Amino acid sequence: KYKTLMQEKSDFVMTLAVKGMIPD
């Protein structure tokens, strides 16, 4: 769940969100 992910690795969540918005 994003609740536990935000508590443990919030920098990874942000990187994942940015990665989804640039071309593959």
PDBML (XML) file of the C-alpha atoms, coordinates in Angstrom:
<?xml version="1.0" encoding="UTF-8" ?>
<PDBx:datablock datablockName="MODEL"
   xmlns:PDBx="http://pdbml.pdb.org/schema/pdbx-v50.xsd"
   xmlns:xsi="http://www.w3.org/2001/XMLSchema-instance"
   xsi:schemaLocation="http://pdbml.pdb.org/schema/pdbx-v50.xsd pdbx-v50.xsd">
   <PDBx:atom_siteCategory>
      <PDBx:atom_site id="1">
         <PDBx:B_iso_or_equiv>0.00</PDBx:B_iso_or_equiv>
         <PDBx:Cartn_x>0.000</PDBx:Cartn_x>
         <PDBx:Cartn_y>0.000</PDBx:Cartn_y>
         <PDBx:Cartn_z>0.000</PDBx:Cartn_z>
         <PDBx:auth_asym_id>A</PDBx:auth_asym_id>
         <PDBx:auth_atom_id>CA</PDBx:auth_atom_id>
         <PDBx:auth_comp_id>LYS</PDBx:auth_comp_id>
         <PDBx:auth_seq_id>1</PDBx:auth_seq_id>
         <PDBx:group_PDB>ATOM</PDBx:group_PDB>
         <PDBx:label_alt_id xsi:nil="true" />
         <PDBx:label_asym_id>A</PDBx:label_asym_id>
         <PDBx:label_atom_id>CA</PDBx:label_atom_id>
         <PDBx:label_comp_id>LYS</PDBx:label_comp_id>
         <PDBx:label_entity_id>1</PDBx:label_entity_id>
         <PDBx:label_seq_id>1</PDBx:label_seq_id>
         <PDBx:occupancy>1.00</PDBx:occupancy>
         <PDBx:pdbx_PDB_model_num>1</PDBx:pdbx_PDB_model_num>
         <PDBx:type_symbol>C</PDBx:type_symbol>
      </PDBx:atom_site>
      <PDBx:atom_site id="2">
         <PDBx:B_iso_or_equiv>0.00</PDBx:B_iso_or_equiv>
         <PDBx:Cartn_x>1.116</PDBx:Cartn_x>
         <PDBx:Cartn_y>3.542</PDBx:Cartn_y>
         <PDBx:Cartn_z>-0.660</PDBx:Cartn_z>
         <PDBx:auth_asym_id>A</PDBx:auth_asym_id>
         <PDBx:auth_atom_id>CA</PDBx:auth_atom_id>
         <PDBx:auth_comp_id>TYR</PDBx:auth_comp_id>
         <PDBx:auth_seq_id>2</PDBx:auth_seq_id>
         <PDBx:group_PDB>ATOM</PDBx:group_PDB>
         <PDBx:label_alt_id xsi:nil="true" />
         <PDBx:label_asym_id>A</PDBx:label_asym_id>
         <PDBx:label_atom_id>CA</PDBx:label_atom_id>
         <PDBx:label_comp_id>TYR</PDBx:label_comp_id>
         <PDBx:label_entity_id>1</PDBx:label_entity_id>
         <PDBx:label_seq_id>2</PDBx:label_seq_id>
         <PDBx:occupancy>1.00</PDBx:occupancy>
         <PDBx:pdbx_PDB_model_num>1</PDBx:pdbx_PDB_model_num>
         <PDBx:type_symbol>C</PDBx:type_symbol>
      </PDBx:atom_site>
      <PDBx:atom_site id="3">
         <PDBx:B_iso_or_equiv>0.00</PDBx:B_iso_or_equiv>
         <PDBx:Cartn_x>0.679</PDBx:Cartn_x>
         <PDBx:Cartn_y>4.380</PDBx:Cartn_y>
         <PDBx:Cartn_z>3.036</PDBx:Cartn_z>
         <PDBx:auth_asym_id>A</PDBx:auth_asym_id>
         <PDBx:auth_atom_id>CA</PDBx:auth_atom_id>
         <PDBx:auth_comp_id>LYS</PDBx:auth_comp_id>
         <PDBx:auth_seq_id>3</PDBx:auth_seq_id>
         <PDBx:group_PDB>ATOM</PDBx:group_PDB>
         <PDBx:label_alt_id xsi:nil="true" />
         <PDBx:label_asym_id>A</PDBx:label_asym_id>
         <PDBx:label_atom_id>CA</PDBx:label_atom_id>
         <PDBx:label_comp_id>LYS</PDBx:label_comp_id>
         <PDBx:label_entity_id>1</PDBx:label_entity_id>
         <PDBx:label_seq_id>3</PDBx:label_seq_id>
         <PDBx:occupancy>1.00</PDBx:occupancy>
         <PDBx:pdbx_PDB_model_num>1</PDBx:pdbx_PDB_model_num>
         <PDBx:type_symbol>C</PDBx:type_symbol>
      </PDBx:atom_site>
      <PDBx:atom_site id="4">
         <PDBx:B_iso_or_equiv>0.00</PDBx:B_iso_or_equiv>
         <PDBx:Cartn_x>3.551</PDBx:Cartn_x>
         <PDBx:Cartn_y>2.095</PDBx:Cartn_y>
         <PDBx:Cartn_z>4.034</PDBx:Cartn_z>
         <PDBx:auth_asym_id>A</PDBx:auth_asym_id>
         <PDBx:auth_atom_id>CA</PDBx:auth_atom_id>
         <PDBx:auth_comp_id>THR</PDBx:auth_comp_id>
         <PDBx:auth_seq_id>4</PDBx:auth_seq_id>
         <PDBx:group_PDB>ATOM</PDBx:group_PDB>
         <PDBx:label_alt_id xsi:nil="true" />
         <PDBx:label_asym_id>A</PDBx:label_asym_id>
         <PDBx:label_atom_id>CA</PDBx:label_atom_id>
         <PDBx:label_comp_id>THR</PDBx:label_comp_id>
         <PDBx:label_entity_id>1</PDBx:label_entity_id>
         <PDBx:label_seq_id>4</PDBx:label_seq_id>
         <PDBx:occupancy>1.00</PDBx:occupancy>
         <PDBx:pdbx_PDB_model_num>1</PDBx:pdbx_PDB_model_num>
         <PDBx:type_symbol>C</PDBx:type_symbol>
      </PDBx:atom_site>
      <PDBx:atom_site id="5">
         <PDBx:B_iso_or_equiv>0.00</PDBx:B_iso_or_equiv>
         <PDBx:Cartn_x>5.530</PDBx:Cartn_x>
         <PDBx:Cartn_y>2.994</PDBx:Cartn_y>
         <PDBx:Cartn_z>0.927</PDBx:Cartn_z>
         <PDBx:auth_asym_id>A</PDBx:auth_asym_id>
         <PDBx:auth_atom_id>CA</PDBx:auth_atom_id>
         <PDBx:auth_comp_id>LEU</PDBx:auth_comp_id>
         <PDBx:auth_seq_id>5</PDBx:auth_seq_id>
         <PDBx:group_PDB>ATOM</PDBx:group_PDB>
         <PDBx:label_alt_id xsi:nil="true" />
         <PDBx:label_asym_id>A</PDBx:label_asym_id>
         <PDBx:label_atom_id>CA</PDBx:label_atom_id>
         <PDBx:label_comp_id>LEU</PDBx:label_comp_id>
         <PDBx:label_entity_id>1</PDBx:label_entity_id>
         <PDBx:label_seq_id>5</PDBx:label_seq_id>
         <PDBx:occupancy>1.00</PDBx:occupancy>
         <PDBx:pdbx_PDB_model_num>1</PDBx:pdbx_PDB_model_num>
         <PDBx:type_symbol>C</PDBx:type_symbol>
      </PDBx:atom_site>
      <PDBx:atom_site id="6">
         <PDBx:B_iso_or_equiv>0.00</PDBx:B_iso_or_equiv>
         <PDBx:Cartn_x>5.284</PDBx:Cartn_x>
         <PDBx:Cartn_y>6.719</PDBx:Cartn_y>
         <PDBx:Cartn_z>1.710</PDBx:Cartn_z>
         <PDBx:auth_asym_id>A</PDBx:auth_asym_id>
         <PDBx:auth_atom_id>CA</PDBx:auth_atom_id>
         <PDBx:auth_comp_id>MET</PDBx:auth_comp_id>
         <PDBx:auth_seq_id>6</PDBx:auth_seq_id>
         <PDBx:group_PDB>ATOM</PDBx:group_PDB>
         <PDBx:label_alt_id xsi:nil="true" />
         <PDBx:label_asym_id>A</PDBx:label_asym_id>
         <PDBx:label_atom_id>CA</PDBx:label_atom_id>
         <PDBx:label_comp_id>MET</PDBx:label_comp_id>
         <PDBx:label_entity_id>1</PDBx:label_entity_id>
         <PDBx:label_seq_id>6</PDBx:label_seq_id>
         <PDBx:occupancy>1.00</PDBx:occupancy>
         <PDBx:pdbx_PDB_model_num>1</PDBx:pdbx_PDB_model_num>
         <PDBx:type_symbol>C</PDBx:type_symbol>
      </PDBx:atom_site>
      <PDBx:atom_site id="7">
         <PDBx:B_iso_or_equiv>0.00</PDBx:B_iso_or_equiv>
         <PDBx:Cartn_x>6.487</PDBx:Cartn_x>
         <PDBx:Cartn_y>6.128</PDBx:Cartn_y>
         <PDBx:Cartn_z>5.279</PDBx:Cartn_z>
         <PDBx:auth_asym_id>A</PDBx:auth_asym_id>
         <PDBx:auth_atom_id>CA</PDBx:auth_atom_id>
         <PDBx:auth_comp_id>GLN</PDBx:auth_comp_id>
         <PDBx:auth_seq_id>7</PDBx:auth_seq_id>
         <PDBx:group_PDB>ATOM</PDBx:group_PDB>
         <PDBx:label_alt_id xsi:nil="true" />
         <PDBx:label_asym_id>A</PDBx:label_asym_id>
         <PDBx:label_atom_id>CA</PDBx:label_atom_id>
         <PDBx:label_comp_id>GLN</PDBx:label_comp_id>
         <PDBx:label_entity_id>1</PDBx:label_entity_id>
         <PDBx:label_seq_id>7</PDBx:label_seq_id>
         <PDBx:occupancy>1.00</PDBx:occupancy>
         <PDBx:pdbx_PDB_model_num>1</PDBx:pdbx_PDB_model_num>
         <PDBx:type_symbol>C</PDBx:type_symbol>
      </PDBx:atom_site>
      <PDBx:atom_site id="8">
         <PDBx:B_iso_or_equiv>0.00</PDBx:B_iso_or_equiv>
         <PDBx:Cartn_x>9.452</PDBx:Cartn_x>
         <PDBx:Cartn_y>3.985</PDBx:Cartn_y>
         <PDBx:Cartn_z>4.258</PDBx:Cartn_z>
         <PDBx:auth_asym_id>A</PDBx:auth_asym_id>
         <PDBx:auth_atom_id>CA</PDBx:auth_atom_id>
         <PDBx:auth_comp_id>GLU</PDBx:auth_comp_id>
         <PDBx:auth_seq_id>8</PDBx:auth_seq_id>
         <PDBx:group_PDB>ATOM</PDBx:group_PDB>
         <PDBx:label_alt_id xsi:nil="true" />
         <PDBx:label_asym_id>A</PDBx:label_asym_id>
         <PDBx:label_atom_id>CA</PDBx:label_atom_id>
         <PDBx:label_comp_id>GLU</PDBx:label_comp_id>
         <PDBx:label_entity_id>1</PDBx:label_entity_id>
         <PDBx:label_seq_id>8</PDBx:label_seq_id>
         <PDBx:occupancy>1.00</PDBx:occupancy>
         <PDBx:pdbx_PDB_model_num>1</PDBx:pdbx_PDB_model_num>
         <PDBx:type_symbol>C</PDBx:type_symbol>
      </PDBx:atom_site>
      <PDBx:atom_site id="9">
         <PDBx:B_iso_or_equiv>0.00</PDBx:B_iso_or_equiv>
         <PDBx:Cartn_x>10.537</PDBx:Cartn_x>
         <PDBx:Cartn_y>5.116</PDBx:Cartn_y>
         <PDBx:Cartn_z>0.762</PDBx:Cartn_z>
         <PDBx:auth_asym_id>A</PDBx:auth_asym_id>
         <PDBx:auth_atom_id>CA</PDBx:auth_atom_id>
         <PDBx:auth_comp_id>LYS</PDBx:auth_comp_id>
         <PDBx:auth_seq_id>9</PDBx:auth_seq_id>
         <PDBx:group_PDB>ATOM</PDBx:group_PDB>
         <PDBx:label_alt_id xsi:nil="true" />
         <PDBx:label_asym_id>A</PDBx:label_asym_id>
         <PDBx:label_atom_id>CA</PDBx:label_atom_id>
         <PDBx:label_comp_id>LYS</PDBx:label_comp_id>
         <PDBx:label_entity_id>1</PDBx:label_entity_id>
         <PDBx:label_seq_id>9</PDBx:label_seq_id>
         <PDBx:occupancy>1.00</PDBx:occupancy>
         <PDBx:pdbx_PDB_model_num>1</PDBx:pdbx_PDB_model_num>
         <PDBx:type_symbol>C</PDBx:type_symbol>
      </PDBx:atom_site>
      <PDBx:atom_site id="10">
         <PDBx:B_iso_or_equiv>0.00</PDBx:B_iso_or_equiv>
         <PDBx:Cartn_x>8.901</PDBx:Cartn_x>
         <PDBx:Cartn_y>8.405</PDBx:Cartn_y>
         <PDBx:Cartn_z>-0.190</PDBx:Cartn_z>
         <PDBx:auth_asym_id>A</PDBx:auth_asym_id>
         <PDBx:auth_atom_id>CA</PDBx:auth_atom_id>
         <PDBx:auth_comp_id>SER</PDBx:auth_comp_id>
         <PDBx:auth_seq_id>10</PDBx:auth_seq_id>
         <PDBx:group_PDB>ATOM</PDBx:group_PDB>
         <PDBx:label_alt_id xsi:nil="true" />
         <PDBx:label_asym_id>A</PDBx:label_asym_id>
         <PDBx:label_atom_id>CA</PDBx:label_atom_id>
         <PDBx:label_comp_id>SER</PDBx:label_comp_id>
         <PDBx:label_entity_id>1</PDBx:label_entity_id>
         <PDBx:label_seq_id>10</PDBx:label_seq_id>
         <PDBx:occupancy>1.00</PDBx:occupancy>
         <PDBx:pdbx_PDB_model_num>1</PDBx:pdbx_PDB_model_num>
         <PDBx:type_symbol>C</PDBx:type_symbol>
      </PDBx:atom_site>
      <PDBx:atom_site id="11">
         <PDBx:B_iso_or_equiv>0.00</PDBx:B_iso_or_equiv>
         <PDBx:Cartn_x>11.812</PDBx:Cartn_x>
         <PDBx:Cartn_y>9.265</PDBx:Cartn_y>
         <PDBx:Cartn_z>-2.497</PDBx:Cartn_z>
         <PDBx:auth_asym_id>A</PDBx:auth_asym_id>
         <PDBx:auth_atom_id>CA</PDBx:auth_atom_id>
         <PDBx:auth_comp_id>ASP</PDBx:auth_comp_id>
         <PDBx:auth_seq_id>11</PDBx:auth_seq_id>
         <PDBx:group_PDB>ATOM</PDBx:group_PDB>
         <PDBx:label_alt_id xsi:nil="true" />
         <PDBx:label_asym_id>A</PDBx:label_asym_id>
         <PDBx:label_atom_id>CA</PDBx:label_atom_id>
         <PDBx:label_comp_id>ASP</PDBx:label_comp_id>
         <PDBx:label_entity_id>1</PDBx:label_entity_id>
         <PDBx:label_seq_id>11</PDBx:label_seq_id>
         <PDBx:occupancy>1.00</PDBx:occupancy>
         <PDBx:pdbx_PDB_model_num>1</PDBx:pdbx_PDB_model_num>
         <PDBx:type_symbol>C</PDBx:type_symbol>
      </PDBx:atom_site>
      <PDBx:atom_site id="12">
         <PDBx:B_iso_or_equiv>0.00</PDBx:B_iso_or_equiv>
         <PDBx:Cartn_x>11.168</PDBx:Cartn_x>
         <PDBx:Cartn_y>6.067</PDBx:Cartn_y>
         <PDBx:Cartn_z>-4.469</PDBx:Cartn_z>
         <PDBx:auth_asym_id>A</PDBx:auth_asym_id>
         <PDBx:auth_atom_id>CA</PDBx:auth_atom_id>
         <PDBx:auth_comp_id>PHE</PDBx:auth_comp_id>
         <PDBx:auth_seq_id>12</PDBx:auth_seq_id>
         <PDBx:group_PDB>ATOM</PDBx:group_PDB>
         <PDBx:label_alt_id xsi:nil="true" />
         <PDBx:label_asym_id>A</PDBx:label_asym_id>
         <PDBx:label_atom_id>CA</PDBx:label_atom_id>
         <PDBx:label_comp_id>PHE</PDBx:label_comp_id>
         <PDBx:label_entity_id>1</PDBx:label_entity_id>
         <PDBx:label_seq_id>12</PDBx:label_seq_id>
         <PDBx:occupancy>1.00</PDBx:occupancy>
         <PDBx:pdbx_PDB_model_num>1</PDBx:pdbx_PDB_model_num>
         <PDBx:type_symbol>C</PDBx:type_symbol>
      </PDBx:atom_site>
      <PDBx:atom_site id="13">
         <PDBx:B_iso_or_equiv>0.00</PDBx:B_iso_or_equiv>
         <PDBx:Cartn_x>7.475</PDBx:Cartn_x>
         <PDBx:Cartn_y>6.990</PDBx:Cartn_y>
         <PDBx:Cartn_z>-4.815</PDBx:Cartn_z>
         <PDBx:auth_asym_id>A</PDBx:auth_asym_id>
         <PDBx:auth_atom_id>CA</PDBx:auth_atom_id>
         <PDBx:auth_comp_id>VAL</PDBx:auth_comp_id>
         <PDBx:auth_seq_id>13</PDBx:auth_seq_id>
         <PDBx:group_PDB>ATOM</PDBx:group_PDB>
         <PDBx:label_alt_id xsi:nil="true" />
         <PDBx:label_asym_id>A</PDBx:label_asym_id>
         <PDBx:label_atom_id>CA</PDBx:label_atom_id>
         <PDBx:label_comp_id>VAL</PDBx:label_comp_id>
         <PDBx:label_entity_id>1</PDBx:label_entity_id>
         <PDBx:label_seq_id>13</PDBx:label_seq_id>
         <PDBx:occupancy>1.00</PDBx:occupancy>
         <PDBx:pdbx_PDB_model_num>1</PDBx:pdbx_PDB_model_num>
         <PDBx:type_symbol>C</PDBx:type_symbol>
      </PDBx:atom_site>
      <PDBx:atom_site id="14">
         <PDBx:B_iso_or_equiv>0.00</PDBx:B_iso_or_equiv>
         <PDBx:Cartn_x>8.397</PDBx:Cartn_x>
         <PDBx:Cartn_y>10.382</PDBx:Cartn_y>
         <PDBx:Cartn_z>-6.260</PDBx:Cartn_z>
         <PDBx:auth_asym_id>A</PDBx:auth_asym_id>
         <PDBx:auth_atom_id>CA</PDBx:auth_atom_id>
         <PDBx:auth_comp_id>MET</PDBx:auth_comp_id>
         <PDBx:auth_seq_id>14</PDBx:auth_seq_id>
         <PDBx:group_PDB>ATOM</PDBx:group_PDB>
         <PDBx:label_alt_id xsi:nil="true" />
         <PDBx:label_asym_id>A</PDBx:label_asym_id>
         <PDBx:label_atom_id>CA</PDBx:label_atom_id>
         <PDBx:label_comp_id>MET</PDBx:label_comp_id>
         <PDBx:label_entity_id>1</PDBx:label_entity_id>
         <PDBx:label_seq_id>14</PDBx:label_seq_id>
         <PDBx:occupancy>1.00</PDBx:occupancy>
         <PDBx:pdbx_PDB_model_num>1</PDBx:pdbx_PDB_model_num>
         <PDBx:type_symbol>C</PDBx:type_symbol>
      </PDBx:atom_site>
      <PDBx:atom_site id="15">
         <PDBx:B_iso_or_equiv>0.00</PDBx:B_iso_or_equiv>
         <PDBx:Cartn_x>10.906</PDBx:Cartn_x>
         <PDBx:Cartn_y>8.855</PDBx:Cartn_y>
         <PDBx:Cartn_z>-8.675</PDBx:Cartn_z>
         <PDBx:auth_asym_id>A</PDBx:auth_asym_id>
         <PDBx:auth_atom_id>CA</PDBx:auth_atom_id>
         <PDBx:auth_comp_id>THR</PDBx:auth_comp_id>
         <PDBx:auth_seq_id>15</PDBx:auth_seq_id>
         <PDBx:group_PDB>ATOM</PDBx:group_PDB>
         <PDBx:label_alt_id xsi:nil="true" />
         <PDBx:label_asym_id>A</PDBx:label_asym_id>
         <PDBx:label_atom_id>CA</PDBx:label_atom_id>
         <PDBx:label_comp_id>THR</PDBx:label_comp_id>
         <PDBx:label_entity_id>1</PDBx:label_entity_id>
         <PDBx:label_seq_id>15</PDBx:label_seq_id>
         <PDBx:occupancy>1.00</PDBx:occupancy>
         <PDBx:pdbx_PDB_model_num>1</PDBx:pdbx_PDB_model_num>
         <PDBx:type_symbol>C</PDBx:type_symbol>
      </PDBx:atom_site>
      <PDBx:atom_site id="16">
         <PDBx:B_iso_or_equiv>0.00</PDBx:B_iso_or_equiv>
         <PDBx:Cartn_x>8.287</PDBx:Cartn_x>
         <PDBx:Cartn_y>6.344</PDBx:Cartn_y>
         <PDBx:Cartn_z>-9.786</PDBx:Cartn_z>
         <PDBx:auth_asym_id>A</PDBx:auth_asym_id>
         <PDBx:auth_atom_id>CA</PDBx:auth_atom_id>
         <PDBx:auth_comp_id>LEU</PDBx:auth_comp_id>
         <PDBx:auth_seq_id>16</PDBx:auth_seq_id>
         <PDBx:group_PDB>ATOM</PDBx:group_PDB>
         <PDBx:label_alt_id xsi:nil="true" />
         <PDBx:label_asym_id>A</PDBx:label_asym_id>
         <PDBx:label_atom_id>CA</PDBx:label_atom_id>
         <PDBx:label_comp_id>LEU</PDBx:label_comp_id>
         <PDBx:label_entity_id>1</PDBx:label_entity_id>
         <PDBx:label_seq_id>16</PDBx:label_seq_id>
         <PDBx:occupancy>1.00</PDBx:occupancy>
         <PDBx:pdbx_PDB_model_num>1</PDBx:pdbx_PDB_model_num>
         <PDBx:type_symbol>C</PDBx:type_symbol>
      </PDBx:atom_site>
      <PDBx:atom_site id="17">
         <PDBx:B_iso_or_equiv>0.00</PDBx:B_iso_or_equiv>
         <PDBx:Cartn_x>5.745</PDBx:Cartn_x>
         <PDBx:Cartn_y>9.118</PDBx:Cartn_y>
         <PDBx:Cartn_z>-10.414</PDBx:Cartn_z>
         <PDBx:auth_asym_id>A</PDBx:auth_asym_id>
         <PDBx:auth_atom_id>CA</PDBx:auth_atom_id>
         <PDBx:auth_comp_id>ALA</PDBx:auth_comp_id>
         <PDBx:auth_seq_id>17</PDBx:auth_seq_id>
         <PDBx:group_PDB>ATOM</PDBx:group_PDB>
         <PDBx:label_alt_id xsi:nil="true" />
         <PDBx:label_asym_id>A</PDBx:label_asym_id>
         <PDBx:label_atom_id>CA</PDBx:label_atom_id>
         <PDBx:label_comp_id>ALA</PDBx:label_comp_id>
         <PDBx:label_entity_id>1</PDBx:label_entity_id>
         <PDBx:label_seq_id>17</PDBx:label_seq_id>
         <PDBx:occupancy>1.00</PDBx:occupancy>
         <PDBx:pdbx_PDB_model_num>1</PDBx:pdbx_PDB_model_num>
         <PDBx:type_symbol>C</PDBx:type_symbol>
      </PDBx:atom_site>
      <PDBx:atom_site id="18">
         <PDBx:B_iso_or_equiv>0.00</PDBx:B_iso_or_equiv>
         <PDBx:Cartn_x>8.228</PDBx:Cartn_x>
         <PDBx:Cartn_y>11.158</PDBx:Cartn_y>
         <PDBx:Cartn_z>-12.471</PDBx:Cartn_z>
         <PDBx:auth_asym_id>A</PDBx:auth_asym_id>
         <PDBx:auth_atom_id>CA</PDBx:auth_atom_id>
         <PDBx:auth_comp_id>VAL</PDBx:auth_comp_id>
         <PDBx:auth_seq_id>18</PDBx:auth_seq_id>
         <PDBx:group_PDB>ATOM</PDBx:group_PDB>
         <PDBx:label_alt_id xsi:nil="true" />
         <PDBx:label_asym_id>A</PDBx:label_asym_id>
         <PDBx:label_atom_id>CA</PDBx:label_atom_id>
         <PDBx:label_comp_id>VAL</PDBx:label_comp_id>
         <PDBx:label_entity_id>1</PDBx:label_entity_id>
         <PDBx:label_seq_id>18</PDBx:label_seq_id>
         <PDBx:occupancy>1.00</PDBx:occupancy>
         <PDBx:pdbx_PDB_model_num>1</PDBx:pdbx_PDB_model_num>
         <PDBx:type_symbol>C</PDBx:type_symbol>
      </PDBx:atom_site>
      <PDBx:atom_site id="19">
         <PDBx:B_iso_or_equiv>0.00</PDBx:B_iso_or_equiv>
         <PDBx:Cartn_x>9.321</PDBx:Cartn_x>
         <PDBx:Cartn_y>8.055</PDBx:Cartn_y>
         <PDBx:Cartn_z>-14.383</PDBx:Cartn_z>
         <PDBx:auth_asym_id>A</PDBx:auth_asym_id>
         <PDBx:auth_atom_id>CA</PDBx:auth_atom_id>
         <PDBx:auth_comp_id>LYS</PDBx:auth_comp_id>
         <PDBx:auth_seq_id>19</PDBx:auth_seq_id>
         <PDBx:group_PDB>ATOM</PDBx:group_PDB>
         <PDBx:label_alt_id xsi:nil="true" />
         <PDBx:label_asym_id>A</PDBx:label_asym_id>
         <PDBx:label_atom_id>CA</PDBx:label_atom_id>
         <PDBx:label_comp_id>LYS</PDBx:label_comp_id>
         <PDBx:label_entity_id>1</PDBx:label_entity_id>
         <PDBx:label_seq_id>19</PDBx:label_seq_id>
         <PDBx:occupancy>1.00</PDBx:occupancy>
         <PDBx:pdbx_PDB_model_num>1</PDBx:pdbx_PDB_model_num>
         <PDBx:type_symbol>C</PDBx:type_symbol>
      </PDBx:atom_site>
      <PDBx:atom_site id="20">
         <PDBx:B_iso_or_equiv>0.00</PDBx:B_iso_or_equiv>
         <PDBx:Cartn_x>5.730</PDBx:Cartn_x>
         <PDBx:Cartn_y>7.430</PDBx:Cartn_y>
         <PDBx:Cartn_z>-15.434</PDBx:Cartn_z>
         <PDBx:auth_asym_id>A</PDBx:auth_asym_id>
         <PDBx:auth_atom_id>CA</PDBx:auth_atom_id>
         <PDBx:auth_comp_id>GLY</PDBx:auth_comp_id>
         <PDBx:auth_seq_id>20</PDBx:auth_seq_id>
         <PDBx:group_PDB>ATOM</PDBx:group_PDB>
         <PDBx:label_alt_id xsi:nil="true" />
         <PDBx:label_asym_id>A</PDBx:label_asym_id>
         <PDBx:label_atom_id>CA</PDBx:label_atom_id>
         <PDBx:label_comp_id>GLY</PDBx:label_comp_id>
         <PDBx:label_entity_id>1</PDBx:label_entity_id>
         <PDBx:label_seq_id>20</PDBx:label_seq_id>
         <PDBx:occupancy>1.00</PDBx:occupancy>
         <PDBx:pdbx_PDB_model_num>1</PDBx:pdbx_PDB_model_num>
         <PDBx:type_symbol>C</PDBx:type_symbol>
      </PDBx:atom_site>
      <PDBx:atom_site id="21">
         <PDBx:B_iso_or_equiv>0.00</PDBx:B_iso_or_equiv>
         <PDBx:Cartn_x>5.510</PDBx:Cartn_x>
         <PDBx:Cartn_y>10.901</PDBx:Cartn_y>
         <PDBx:Cartn_z>-16.973</PDBx:Cartn_z>
         <PDBx:auth_asym_id>A</PDBx:auth_asym_id>
         <PDBx:auth_atom_id>CA</PDBx:auth_atom_id>
         <PDBx:auth_comp_id>MET</PDBx:auth_comp_id>
         <PDBx:auth_seq_id>21</PDBx:auth_seq_id>
         <PDBx:group_PDB>ATOM</PDBx:group_PDB>
         <PDBx:label_alt_id xsi:nil="true" />
         <PDBx:label_asym_id>A</PDBx:label_asym_id>
         <PDBx:label_atom_id>CA</PDBx:label_atom_id>
         <PDBx:label_comp_id>MET</PDBx:label_comp_id>
         <PDBx:label_entity_id>1</PDBx:label_entity_id>
         <PDBx:label_seq_id>21</PDBx:label_seq_id>
         <PDBx:occupancy>1.00</PDBx:occupancy>
         <PDBx:pdbx_PDB_model_num>1</PDBx:pdbx_PDB_model_num>
         <PDBx:type_symbol>C</PDBx:type_symbol>
      </PDBx:atom_site>
      <PDBx:atom_site id="22">
         <PDBx:B_iso_or_equiv>0.00</PDBx:B_iso_or_equiv>
         <PDBx:Cartn_x>8.535</PDBx:Cartn_x>
         <PDBx:Cartn_y>10.779</PDBx:Cartn_y>
         <PDBx:Cartn_z>-19.259</PDBx:Cartn_z>
         <PDBx:auth_asym_id>A</PDBx:auth_asym_id>
         <PDBx:auth_atom_id>CA</PDBx:auth_atom_id>
         <PDBx:auth_comp_id>ILE</PDBx:auth_comp_id>
         <PDBx:auth_seq_id>22</PDBx:auth_seq_id>
         <PDBx:group_PDB>ATOM</PDBx:group_PDB>
         <PDBx:label_alt_id xsi:nil="true" />
         <PDBx:label_asym_id>A</PDBx:label_asym_id>
         <PDBx:label_atom_id>CA</PDBx:label_atom_id>
         <PDBx:label_comp_id>ILE</PDBx:label_comp_id>
         <PDBx:label_entity_id>1</PDBx:label_entity_id>
         <PDBx:label_seq_id>22</PDBx:label_seq_id>
         <PDBx:occupancy>1.00</PDBx:occupancy>
         <PDBx:pdbx_PDB_model_num>1</PDBx:pdbx_PDB_model_num>
         <PDBx:type_symbol>C</PDBx:type_symbol>
      </PDBx:atom_site>
      <PDBx:atom_site id="23">
         <PDBx:B_iso_or_equiv>0.00</PDBx:B_iso_or_equiv>
         <PDBx:Cartn_x>8.815</PDBx:Cartn_x>
         <PDBx:Cartn_y>8.664</PDBx:Cartn_y>
         <PDBx:Cartn_z>-22.443</PDBx:Cartn_z>
         <PDBx:auth_asym_id>A</PDBx:auth_asym_id>
         <PDBx:auth_atom_id>CA</PDBx:auth_atom_id>
         <PDBx:auth_comp_id>PRO</PDBx:auth_comp_id>
         <PDBx:auth_seq_id>23</PDBx:auth_seq_id>
         <PDBx:group_PDB>ATOM</PDBx:group_PDB>
         <PDBx:label_alt_id xsi:nil="true" />
         <PDBx:label_asym_id>A</PDBx:label_asym_id>
         <PDBx:label_atom_id>CA</PDBx:label_atom_id>
         <PDBx:label_comp_id>PRO</PDBx:label_comp_id>
         <PDBx:label_entity_id>1</PDBx:label_entity_id>
         <PDBx:label_seq_id>23</PDBx:label_seq_id>
         <PDBx:occupancy>1.00</PDBx:occupancy>
         <PDBx:pdbx_PDB_model_num>1</PDBx:pdbx_PDB_model_num>
         <PDBx:type_symbol>C</PDBx:type_symbol>
      </PDBx:atom_site>
      <PDBx:atom_site id="24">
         <PDBx:B_iso_or_equiv>0.00</PDBx:B_iso_or_equiv>
         <PDBx:Cartn_x>9.786</PDBx:Cartn_x>
         <PDBx:Cartn_y>4.992</PDBx:Cartn_y>
         <PDBx:Cartn_z>-22.222</PDBx:Cartn_z>
         <PDBx:auth_asym_id>A</PDBx:auth_asym_id>
         <PDBx:auth_atom_id>CA</PDBx:auth_atom_id>
         <PDBx:auth_comp_id>ASP</PDBx:auth_comp_id>
         <PDBx:auth_seq_id>24</PDBx:auth_seq_id>
         <PDBx:group_PDB>ATOM</PDBx:group_PDB>
         <PDBx:label_alt_id xsi:nil="true" />
         <PDBx:label_asym_id>A</PDBx:label_asym_id>
         <PDBx:label_atom_id>CA</PDBx:label_atom_id>
         <PDBx:label_comp_id>ASP</PDBx:label_comp_id>
         <PDBx:label_entity_id>1</PDBx:label_entity_id>
         <PDBx:label_seq_id>24</PDBx:label_seq_id>
         <PDBx:occupancy>1.00</PDBx:occupancy>
         <PDBx:pdbx_PDB_model_num>1</PDBx:pdbx_PDB_model_num>
         <PDBx:type_symbol>C</PDBx:type_symbol>
      </PDBx:atom_site>
   </PDBx:atom_siteCategory>
</PDBx:datablock>
